[in-house]
All heavy atoms as atom14 arrays in JSON, in Angstrom:
{
  "sequence": "SVHLEYFNFRNDSIAGLLFDLLAEKAKQGVKVRALYDGFGNSSN",
  "atom14_mask": [
    [1, 1, 1, 1, 1, 1, 0, 0, 0, 0, 0, 0, 0, 0],
    [1, 1, 1, 1, 1, 1, 1, 0, 0, 0, 0, 0, 0, 0],
    [1, 1, 1, 1, 1, 1, 1, 1, 1, 1, 0, 0, 0, 0],
    [1, 1, 1, 1, 1, 1, 1, 1, 0, 0, 0, 0, 0, 0],
    [1, 1, 1, 1, 1, 1, 1, 1, 1, 0, 0, 0, 0, 0],
    [1, 1, 1, 1, 1, 1, 1, 1, 1, 1, 1, 1, 0, 0],
    [1, 1, 1, 1, 1, 1, 1, 1, 1, 1, 1, 0, 0, 0],
    [1, 1, 1, 1, 1, 1, 1, 1, 0, 0, 0, 0, 0, 0],
    [1, 1, 1, 1, 1, 1, 1, 1, 1, 1, 1, 0, 0, 0],
    [1, 1, 1, 1, 1, 1, 1, 1, 1, 1, 1, 0, 0, 0],
    [1, 1, 1, 1, 1, 1, 1, 1, 0, 0, 0, 0, 0, 0],
    [1, 1, 1, 1, 1, 1, 1, 1, 0, 0, 0, 0, 0, 0],
    [1, 1, 1, 1, 1, 1, 0, 0, 0, 0, 0, 0, 0, 0],
    [1, 1, 1, 1, 1, 1, 1, 1, 0, 0, 0, 0, 0, 0],
    [1, 1, 1, 1, 1, 0, 0, 0, 0, 0, 0, 0, 0, 0],
    [1, 1, 1, 1, 0, 0, 0, 0, 0, 0, 0, 0, 0, 0],
    [1, 1, 1, 1, 1, 1, 1, 1, 0, 0, 0, 0, 0, 0],
    [1, 1, 1, 1, 1, 1, 1, 1, 0, 0, 0, 0, 0, 0],
    [1, 1, 1, 1, 1, 1, 1, 1, 1, 1, 1, 0, 0, 0],
    [1, 1, 1, 1, 1, 1, 1, 1, 0, 0, 0, 0, 0, 0],
    [1, 1, 1, 1, 1, 1, 1, 1, 0, 0, 0, 0, 0, 0],
    [1, 1, 1, 1, 1, 1, 1, 1, 0, 0, 0, 0, 0, 0],
    [1, 1, 1, 1, 1, 0, 0, 0, 0, 0, 0, 0, 0, 0],
    [1, 1, 1, 1, 1, 1, 1, 1, 1, 0, 0, 0, 0, 0],
    [1, 1, 1, 1, 1, 1, 1, 1, 1, 0, 0, 0, 0, 0],
    [1, 1, 1, 1, 1, 0, 0, 0, 0, 0, 0, 0, 0, 0],
    [1, 1, 1, 1, 1, 1, 1, 1, 1, 0, 0, 0, 0, 0],
    [1, 1, 1, 1, 1, 1, 1, 1, 1, 0, 0, 0, 0, 0],
    [1, 1, 1, 1, 0, 0, 0, 0, 0, 0, 0, 0, 0, 0],
    [1, 1, 1, 1, 1, 1, 1, 0, 0, 0, 0, 0, 0, 0],
    [1, 1, 1, 1, 1, 1, 1, 1, 1, 0, 0, 0, 0, 0],
    [1, 1, 1, 1, 1, 1, 1, 0, 0, 0, 0, 0, 0, 0],
    [1, 1, 1, 1, 1, 1, 1, 1, 1, 1, 1, 0, 0, 0],
    [1, 1, 1, 1, 1, 0, 0, 0, 0, 0, 0, 0, 0, 0],
    [1, 1, 1, 1, 1, 1, 1, 1, 0, 0, 0, 0, 0, 0],
    [1, 1, 1, 1, 1, 1, 1, 1, 1, 1, 1, 1, 0, 0],
    [1, 1, 1, 1, 1, 1, 1, 1, 0, 0, 0, 0, 0, 0],
    [1, 1, 1, 1, 0, 0, 0, 0, 0, 0, 0, 0, 0, 0],
    [1, 1, 1, 1, 1, 1, 1, 1, 1, 1, 1, 0, 0, 0],
    [1, 1, 1, 1, 0, 0, 0, 0, 0, 0, 0, 0, 0, 0],
    [1, 1, 1, 1, 1, 1, 1, 1, 0, 0, 0, 0, 0, 0],
    [1, 1, 1, 1, 1, 1, 0, 0, 0, 0, 0, 0, 0, 0],
    [1, 1, 1, 1, 1, 1, 0, 0, 0, 0, 0, 0, 0, 0],
    [1, 1, 1, 1, 1, 1, 1, 1, 0, 0, 0, 0, 0, 0]
  ],
  "atom14_positions": [
    [[-11.81, -86.35, 210.4], [-11.12, -85.43, 211.38], [-10.33, -84.4, 210.59], [-9.86, -84.61, 209.54], [-10.15, -86.19, 212.28], [-9.13, -86.93, 211.57], [0.0, 0.0, 0.0], [0.0, 0.0, 0.0], [0.0, 0.0, 0.0], [0.0, 0.0, 0.0], [0.0, 0.0, 0.0], [0.0, 0.0, 0.0], [0.0, 0.0, 0.0], [0.0, 0.0, 0.0]],
    [[-10.19, -83.19, 211.2], [-9.34, -82.17, 210.75], [-8.59, -81.57, 211.97], [-9.16, -81.2, 212.91], [-10.2, -81.0, 210.11], [-9.19, -79.92, 209.63], [-11.05, -81.34, 208.9], [0.0, 0.0, 0.0], [0.0, 0.0, 0.0], [0.0, 0.0, 0.0], [0.0, 0.0, 0.0], [0.0, 0.0, 0.0], [0.0, 0.0, 0.0], [0.0, 0.0, 0.0]],
    [[-7.34, -81.8, 211.86], [-6.44, -81.33, 212.91], [-5.43, -80.17, 212.39], [-4.81, -80.27, 211.47], [-5.5, -82.58, 213.38], [-6.2, -83.64, 214.11], [-5.81, -84.95, 214.14], [-7.46, -83.62, 214.59], [-6.68, -85.65, 214.84], [-7.7, -84.91, 215.05], [0.0, 0.0, 0.0], [0.0, 0.0, 0.0], [0.0, 0.0, 0.0], [0.0, 0.0, 0.0]],
    [[-5.51, -79.07, 213.25], [-4.78, -77.95, 212.79], [-3.87, -77.52, 214.0], [-4.3, -77.2, 215.16], [-5.65, -76.77, 212.39], [-6.8, -77.03, 211.37], [-8.11, -77.33, 212.18], [-6.97, -75.86, 210.47], [0.0, 0.0, 0.0], [0.0, 0.0, 0.0], [0.0, 0.0, 0.0], [0.0, 0.0, 0.0], [0.0, 0.0, 0.0], [0.0, 0.0, 0.0]],
    [[-2.63, -77.18, 213.62], [-1.64, -76.75, 214.54], [-0.88, -75.52, 213.92], [-0.21, -75.76, 213.02], [-0.65, -77.76, 214.98], [0.4, -77.4, 215.9], [1.39, -78.5, 216.29], [1.2, -79.58, 215.91], [2.49, -78.28, 216.92], [0.0, 0.0, 0.0], [0.0, 0.0, 0.0], [0.0, 0.0, 0.0], [0.0, 0.0, 0.0], [0.0, 0.0, 0.0]],
    [[-1.05, -74.33, 214.41], [-0.54, -73.12, 213.96], [0.08, -72.31, 215.05], [-0.33, -72.3, 216.25], [-1.55, -72.3, 213.23], [-1.87, -72.78, 211.82], [-2.98, -73.53, 211.48], [-0.93, -72.43, 210.79], [-3.3, -73.87, 210.22], [-1.22, -72.93, 209.46], [-2.45, -73.58, 209.18], [-2.71, -73.99, 207.95], [0.0, 0.0, 0.0], [0.0, 0.0, 0.0]],
    [[1.12, -71.48, 214.74], [1.59, -70.55, 215.65], [0.55, -69.39, 215.98], [0.44, -69.08, 217.05], [2.87, -69.9, 214.99], [3.63, -68.88, 215.87], [4.06, -69.39, 217.16], [3.96, -67.63, 215.49], [4.87, -68.55, 217.99], [4.69, -66.72, 216.34], [5.17, -67.25, 217.59], [0.0, 0.0, 0.0], [0.0, 0.0, 0.0], [0.0, 0.0, 0.0]],
    [[-0.24, -69.1, 214.99], [-1.36, -68.14, 215.21], [-2.36, -68.22, 214.15], [-2.11, -68.51, 212.98], [-0.86, -66.73, 215.49], [-0.16, -66.05, 214.23], [-0.69, -65.89, 213.23], [1.11, -65.75, 214.48], [0.0, 0.0, 0.0], [0.0, 0.0, 0.0], [0.0, 0.0, 0.0], [0.0, 0.0, 0.0], [0.0, 0.0, 0.0], [0.0, 0.0, 0.0]],
    [[-3.55, -67.94, 214.58], [-4.76, -67.7, 213.7], [-4.95, -66.24, 213.82], [-5.51, -65.76, 214.93], [-5.98, -68.52, 214.07], [-5.84, -69.94, 214.01], [-5.33, -70.68, 215.1], [-6.08, -70.64, 212.83], [-5.26, -72.05, 214.97], [-6.06, -72.0, 212.75], [-5.65, -72.72, 213.8], [0.0, 0.0, 0.0], [0.0, 0.0, 0.0], [0.0, 0.0, 0.0]],
    [[-4.68, -65.37, 212.82], [-4.97, -63.98, 212.98], [-6.45, -63.73, 212.77], [-7.17, -64.27, 211.94], [-4.15, -63.2, 211.85], [-4.1, -61.73, 212.02], [-3.07, -61.16, 211.17], [-2.87, -59.71, 211.24], [-3.51, -58.87, 210.34], [-4.25, -59.32, 209.43], [-3.42, -57.55, 210.52], [0.0, 0.0, 0.0], [0.0, 0.0, 0.0], [0.0, 0.0, 0.0]],
    [[-7.05, -62.9, 213.58], [-8.48, -62.68, 213.64], [-8.88, -61.69, 212.47], [-8.98, -60.44, 212.57], [-8.87, -62.06, 214.98], [-10.36, -61.64, 214.88], [-11.19, -62.5, 214.4], [-10.72, -60.68, 215.6], [0.0, 0.0, 0.0], [0.0, 0.0, 0.0], [0.0, 0.0, 0.0], [0.0, 0.0, 0.0], [0.0, 0.0, 0.0], [0.0, 0.0, 0.0]],
    [[-8.84, -62.25, 211.23], [-9.18, -61.53, 210.0], [-9.96, -62.38, 209.08], [-10.57, -63.38, 209.52], [-7.89, -61.02, 209.37], [-6.87, -62.19, 209.03], [-7.41, -63.39, 208.96], [-5.71, -61.92, 208.74], [0.0, 0.0, 0.0], [0.0, 0.0, 0.0], [0.0, 0.0, 0.0], [0.0, 0.0, 0.0], [0.0, 0.0, 0.0], [0.0, 0.0, 0.0]],
    [[-10.09, -61.92, 207.91], [-11.18, -62.55, 206.98], [-10.85, -64.0, 206.61], [-11.74, -64.71, 206.69], [-11.25, -61.67, 205.75], [-10.07, -61.68, 204.91], [0.0, 0.0, 0.0], [0.0, 0.0, 0.0], [0.0, 0.0, 0.0], [0.0, 0.0, 0.0], [0.0, 0.0, 0.0], [0.0, 0.0, 0.0], [0.0, 0.0, 0.0], [0.0, 0.0, 0.0]],
    [[-9.58, -64.33, 206.39], [-9.23, -65.67, 205.94], [-9.39, -66.6, 207.11], [-9.92, -67.75, 206.97], [-7.74, -65.82, 205.49], [-7.61, -67.08, 204.58], [-6.75, -65.61, 206.53], [-8.26, -67.11, 203.3], [0.0, 0.0, 0.0], [0.0, 0.0, 0.0], [0.0, 0.0, 0.0], [0.0, 0.0, 0.0], [0.0, 0.0, 0.0], [0.0, 0.0, 0.0]],
    [[-9.15, -66.2, 208.38], [-9.41, -67.01, 209.59], [-10.85, -67.25, 209.79], [-11.38, -68.32, 210.09], [-8.69, -66.42, 210.8], [0.0, 0.0, 0.0], [0.0, 0.0, 0.0], [0.0, 0.0, 0.0], [0.0, 0.0, 0.0], [0.0, 0.0, 0.0], [0.0, 0.0, 0.0], [0.0, 0.0, 0.0], [0.0, 0.0, 0.0], [0.0, 0.0, 0.0]],
    [[-11.67, -66.09, 209.52], [-13.07, -66.15, 209.68], [-13.72, -67.22, 208.63], [-14.56, -68.02, 209.0], [0.0, 0.0, 0.0], [0.0, 0.0, 0.0], [0.0, 0.0, 0.0], [0.0, 0.0, 0.0], [0.0, 0.0, 0.0], [0.0, 0.0, 0.0], [0.0, 0.0, 0.0], [0.0, 0.0, 0.0], [0.0, 0.0, 0.0], [0.0, 0.0, 0.0]],
    [[-13.18, -67.19, 207.43], [-13.69, -68.21, 206.39], [-13.31, -69.55, 206.84], [-14.03, -70.45, 206.7], [-13.05, -67.9, 205.07], [-13.61, -66.57, 204.43], [-12.76, -66.33, 203.09], [-15.09, -66.76, 203.96], [0.0, 0.0, 0.0], [0.0, 0.0, 0.0], [0.0, 0.0, 0.0], [0.0, 0.0, 0.0], [0.0, 0.0, 0.0], [0.0, 0.0, 0.0]],
    [[-12.06, -69.75, 207.35], [-11.6, -71.09, 207.78], [-12.52, -71.53, 208.93], [-12.96, -72.83, 208.86], [-10.18, -70.99, 208.15], [-9.52, -72.26, 208.85], [-9.52, -73.44, 207.75], [-8.16, -72.06, 209.27], [0.0, 0.0, 0.0], [0.0, 0.0, 0.0], [0.0, 0.0, 0.0], [0.0, 0.0, 0.0], [0.0, 0.0, 0.0], [0.0, 0.0, 0.0]],
    [[-12.66, -70.81, 210.02], [-13.57, -71.24, 211.09], [-14.98, -71.52, 210.66], [-15.61, -72.33, 211.31], [-13.39, -70.31, 212.19], [-12.15, -70.45, 212.97], [-11.19, -69.4, 213.1], [-11.73, -71.66, 213.55], [-9.99, -69.53, 213.69], [-10.49, -71.8, 214.21], [-9.62, -70.76, 214.36], [0.0, 0.0, 0.0], [0.0, 0.0, 0.0], [0.0, 0.0, 0.0]],
    [[-15.58, -70.8, 209.87], [-16.91, -71.02, 209.26], [-16.91, -72.42, 208.62], [-17.94, -73.07, 208.79], [-17.33, -69.86, 208.27], [-17.64, -68.56, 208.95], [-17.82, -68.58, 210.26], [-17.78, -67.54, 208.2], [0.0, 0.0, 0.0], [0.0, 0.0, 0.0], [0.0, 0.0, 0.0], [0.0, 0.0, 0.0], [0.0, 0.0, 0.0], [0.0, 0.0, 0.0]],
    [[-15.96, -72.71, 207.75], [-15.89, -74.01, 207.0], [-15.78, -75.09, 208.08], [-16.35, -76.05, 208.07], [-14.77, -73.96, 206.07], [-14.45, -75.29, 205.3], [-15.73, -75.69, 204.52], [-13.32, -75.02, 204.37], [0.0, 0.0, 0.0], [0.0, 0.0, 0.0], [0.0, 0.0, 0.0], [0.0, 0.0, 0.0], [0.0, 0.0, 0.0], [0.0, 0.0, 0.0]],
    [[-14.79, -74.89, 209.11], [-14.6, -75.92, 210.13], [-15.85, -76.13, 211.01], [-16.22, -77.32, 211.31], [-13.48, -75.51, 211.03], [-12.15, -75.48, 210.36], [-11.02, -74.86, 211.37], [-11.71, -76.94, 209.96], [0.0, 0.0, 0.0], [0.0, 0.0, 0.0], [0.0, 0.0, 0.0], [0.0, 0.0, 0.0], [0.0, 0.0, 0.0], [0.0, 0.0, 0.0]],
    [[-16.74, -75.16, 211.14], [-17.96, -75.32, 211.91], [-18.89, -76.06, 211.06], [-19.63, -76.99, 211.69], [-18.58, -73.84, 212.17], [0.0, 0.0, 0.0], [0.0, 0.0, 0.0], [0.0, 0.0, 0.0], [0.0, 0.0, 0.0], [0.0, 0.0, 0.0], [0.0, 0.0, 0.0], [0.0, 0.0, 0.0], [0.0, 0.0, 0.0], [0.0, 0.0, 0.0]],
    [[-18.98, -75.89, 209.78], [-19.78, -76.71, 208.93], [-19.48, -78.22, 208.95], [-20.32, -79.21, 209.12], [-19.72, -76.23, 207.45], [-20.37, -74.93, 207.17], [-20.13, -74.49, 205.73], [-19.95, -75.43, 204.89], [-20.32, -73.37, 205.35], [0.0, 0.0, 0.0], [0.0, 0.0, 0.0], [0.0, 0.0, 0.0], [0.0, 0.0, 0.0], [0.0, 0.0, 0.0]],
    [[-18.17, -78.56, 209.1], [-17.67, -79.82, 209.04], [-17.95, -80.48, 210.39], [-18.28, -81.6, 210.5], [-16.11, -79.87, 208.74], [-15.76, -79.42, 207.4], [-16.47, -79.92, 206.41], [-16.21, -81.6, 206.13], [-16.91, -82.1, 204.96], [0.0, 0.0, 0.0], [0.0, 0.0, 0.0], [0.0, 0.0, 0.0], [0.0, 0.0, 0.0], [0.0, 0.0, 0.0]],
    [[-17.88, -79.7, 211.44], [-18.19, -80.13, 212.88], [-19.66, -80.52, 212.88], [-19.91, -81.55, 213.43], [-17.89, -79.03, 213.87], [0.0, 0.0, 0.0], [0.0, 0.0, 0.0], [0.0, 0.0, 0.0], [0.0, 0.0, 0.0], [0.0, 0.0, 0.0], [0.0, 0.0, 0.0], [0.0, 0.0, 0.0], [0.0, 0.0, 0.0], [0.0, 0.0, 0.0]],
    [[-20.56, -79.79, 212.29], [-21.95, -80.22, 212.25], [-22.27, -81.4, 211.5], [-23.19, -82.18, 211.86], [-22.78, -79.07, 211.59], [-22.88, -77.68, 212.43], [-23.68, -76.6, 211.69], [-23.71, -75.29, 212.48], [-24.36, -74.19, 211.79], [0.0, 0.0, 0.0], [0.0, 0.0, 0.0], [0.0, 0.0, 0.0], [0.0, 0.0, 0.0], [0.0, 0.0, 0.0]],
    [[-21.34, -81.72, 210.53], [-21.45, -82.99, 209.78], [-20.88, -84.23, 210.52], [-20.91, -85.32, 210.04], [-20.63, -82.92, 208.52], [-21.37, -81.8, 207.58], [-20.5, -81.51, 206.35], [-19.5, -82.33, 206.01], [-20.81, -80.45, 205.57], [0.0, 0.0, 0.0], [0.0, 0.0, 0.0], [0.0, 0.0, 0.0], [0.0, 0.0, 0.0], [0.0, 0.0, 0.0]],
    [[-20.44, -83.95, 211.74], [-19.78, -84.97, 212.55], [-18.35, -85.2, 212.46], [-17.71, -86.08, 213.06], [0.0, 0.0, 0.0], [0.0, 0.0, 0.0], [0.0, 0.0, 0.0], [0.0, 0.0, 0.0], [0.0, 0.0, 0.0], [0.0, 0.0, 0.0], [0.0, 0.0, 0.0], [0.0, 0.0, 0.0], [0.0, 0.0, 0.0], [0.0, 0.0, 0.0]],
    [[-17.73, -84.33, 211.66], [-16.09, -84.41, 211.7], [-15.55, -83.85, 212.93], [-15.98, -82.76, 213.36], [-15.68, -83.55, 210.39], [-14.17, -83.49, 210.35], [-16.2, -84.11, 209.11], [0.0, 0.0, 0.0], [0.0, 0.0, 0.0], [0.0, 0.0, 0.0], [0.0, 0.0, 0.0], [0.0, 0.0, 0.0], [0.0, 0.0, 0.0], [0.0, 0.0, 0.0]],
    [[-14.63, -84.5, 213.49], [-13.89, -83.93, 214.69], [-12.87, -82.98, 214.27], [-11.96, -83.34, 213.49], [-13.21, -85.19, 215.4], [-14.11, -86.1, 216.0], [-15.08, -85.55, 217.14], [-14.21, -85.17, 218.33], [-15.02, -84.62, 219.45], [0.0, 0.0, 0.0], [0.0, 0.0, 0.0], [0.0, 0.0, 0.0], [0.0, 0.0, 0.0], [0.0, 0.0, 0.0]],
    [[-13.04, -81.72, 214.81], [-12.25, -80.67, 214.41], [-11.42, -80.22, 215.72], [-12.04, -79.83, 216.63], [-12.99, -79.51, 213.8], [-11.97, -78.27, 213.47], [-13.8, -79.78, 212.58], [0.0, 0.0, 0.0], [0.0, 0.0, 0.0], [0.0, 0.0, 0.0], [0.0, 0.0, 0.0], [0.0, 0.0, 0.0], [0.0, 0.0, 0.0], [0.0, 0.0, 0.0]],
    [[-10.12, -80.25, 215.59], [-9.3, -79.98, 216.73], [-8.2, -78.9, 216.2], [-7.55, -79.08, 215.16], [-8.54, -81.17, 217.27], [-9.51, -82.25, 217.83], [-8.71, -83.4, 218.37], [-9.7, -84.46, 218.91], [-10.04, -85.54, 218.18], [-9.69, -85.74, 216.95], [-10.87, -86.33, 218.84], [0.0, 0.0, 0.0], [0.0, 0.0, 0.0], [0.0, 0.0, 0.0]],
    [[-8.13, -77.75, 216.92], [-7.31, -76.65, 216.47], [-6.39, -76.28, 217.7], [-6.96, -76.17, 218.83], [-8.13, -75.49, 216.0], [0.0, 0.0, 0.0], [0.0, 0.0, 0.0], [0.0, 0.0, 0.0], [0.0, 0.0, 0.0], [0.0, 0.0, 0.0], [0.0, 0.0, 0.0], [0.0, 0.0, 0.0], [0.0, 0.0, 0.0], [0.0, 0.0, 0.0]],
    [[-5.17, -76.06, 217.4], [-4.19, -75.62, 218.46], [-3.42, -74.45, 217.97], [-3.06, -74.34, 216.92], [-3.28, -76.68, 218.76], [-2.38, -76.71, 219.86], [-3.1, -76.89, 221.21], [-1.29, -77.73, 219.74], [0.0, 0.0, 0.0], [0.0, 0.0, 0.0], [0.0, 0.0, 0.0], [0.0, 0.0, 0.0], [0.0, 0.0, 0.0], [0.0, 0.0, 0.0]],
    [[-3.31, -73.35, 218.83], [-2.46, -72.3, 218.49], [-1.58, -71.79, 219.74], [-1.88, -72.23, 220.86], [-3.39, -71.0, 218.18], [-4.27, -70.54, 219.26], [-3.78, -69.42, 220.12], [-5.43, -71.11, 219.51], [-4.62, -69.03, 221.1], [-6.23, -70.67, 220.59], [-5.83, -69.58, 221.39], [-6.56, -69.09, 222.38], [0.0, 0.0, 0.0], [0.0, 0.0, 0.0]],
    [[-0.45, -71.2, 219.43], [0.51, -70.83, 220.48], [0.1, -69.55, 221.17], [-0.38, -68.54, 220.5], [1.9, -70.65, 219.75], [2.94, -70.37, 220.87], [3.4, -71.24, 221.55], [3.18, -69.24, 221.04], [0.0, 0.0, 0.0], [0.0, 0.0, 0.0], [0.0, 0.0, 0.0], [0.0, 0.0, 0.0], [0.0, 0.0, 0.0], [0.0, 0.0, 0.0]],
    [[0.24, -69.45, 222.44], [-0.2, -68.33, 223.3], [0.58, -67.03, 222.92], [0.04, -66.06, 222.77], [0.0, 0.0, 0.0], [0.0, 0.0, 0.0], [0.0, 0.0, 0.0], [0.0, 0.0, 0.0], [0.0, 0.0, 0.0], [0.0, 0.0, 0.0], [0.0, 0.0, 0.0], [0.0, 0.0, 0.0], [0.0, 0.0, 0.0], [0.0, 0.0, 0.0]],
    [[1.9, -67.23, 222.71], [2.69, -66.03, 222.38], [2.45, -65.69, 221.02], [2.36, -64.47, 220.56], [4.25, -66.31, 222.64], [5.16, -65.2, 222.23], [5.31, -64.18, 223.14], [5.82, -65.21, 221.01], [6.15, -63.11, 222.83], [6.6, -64.16, 220.69], [6.81, -63.1, 221.59], [0.0, 0.0, 0.0], [0.0, 0.0, 0.0], [0.0, 0.0, 0.0]],
    [[2.33, -66.65, 220.1], [1.97, -66.32, 218.66], [0.68, -65.56, 218.49], [0.65, -64.6, 217.74], [0.0, 0.0, 0.0], [0.0, 0.0, 0.0], [0.0, 0.0, 0.0], [0.0, 0.0, 0.0], [0.0, 0.0, 0.0], [0.0, 0.0, 0.0], [0.0, 0.0, 0.0], [0.0, 0.0, 0.0], [0.0, 0.0, 0.0], [0.0, 0.0, 0.0]],
    [[-0.26, -65.89, 219.4], [-1.59, -65.25, 219.34], [-1.48, -63.81, 219.82], [-1.89, -62.86, 219.25], [-2.53, -66.07, 220.15], [-3.96, -65.41, 220.05], [-4.58, -65.2, 219.02], [-4.55, -65.0, 221.1], [0.0, 0.0, 0.0], [0.0, 0.0, 0.0], [0.0, 0.0, 0.0], [0.0, 0.0, 0.0], [0.0, 0.0, 0.0], [0.0, 0.0, 0.0]],
    [[-0.75, -63.7, 220.98], [-0.79, -62.34, 221.67], [0.19, -61.37, 220.94], [0.09, -60.14, 221.1], [-0.3, -62.47, 223.05], [0.92, -63.05, 223.23], [0.0, 0.0, 0.0], [0.0, 0.0, 0.0], [0.0, 0.0, 0.0], [0.0, 0.0, 0.0], [0.0, 0.0, 0.0], [0.0, 0.0, 0.0], [0.0, 0.0, 0.0], [0.0, 0.0, 0.0]],
    [[1.18, -61.87, 220.2], [2.09, -61.02, 219.48], [1.69, -60.51, 218.14], [2.26, -59.57, 217.57], [3.47, -61.81, 219.34], [3.27, -62.94, 218.48], [0.0, 0.0, 0.0], [0.0, 0.0, 0.0], [0.0, 0.0, 0.0], [0.0, 0.0, 0.0], [0.0, 0.0, 0.0], [0.0, 0.0, 0.0], [0.0, 0.0, 0.0], [0.0, 0.0, 0.0]],
    [[0.56, -61.07, 217.63], [0.06, -60.48, 216.42], [-1.01, -59.44, 216.69], [-1.6, -59.36, 217.64], [-0.49, -61.61, 215.44], [-1.86, -61.94, 215.71], [-2.89, -61.32, 215.33], [-2.13, -63.17, 216.25], [0.0, 0.0, 0.0], [0.0, 0.0, 0.0], [0.0, 0.0, 0.0], [0.0, 0.0, 0.0], [0.0, 0.0, 0.0], [0.0, 0.0, 0.0]]
  ]
}
């Protein structure tokens, strides 16, 4: 499992790399759960 809780994931290159890696782990059967804050997202 990989559990992530952040105020925000900014839609940029580092977030893209992170979600690509998480997608690979999900394909391997790893449970990936991510949580972000609504205000944190809309304010960036």
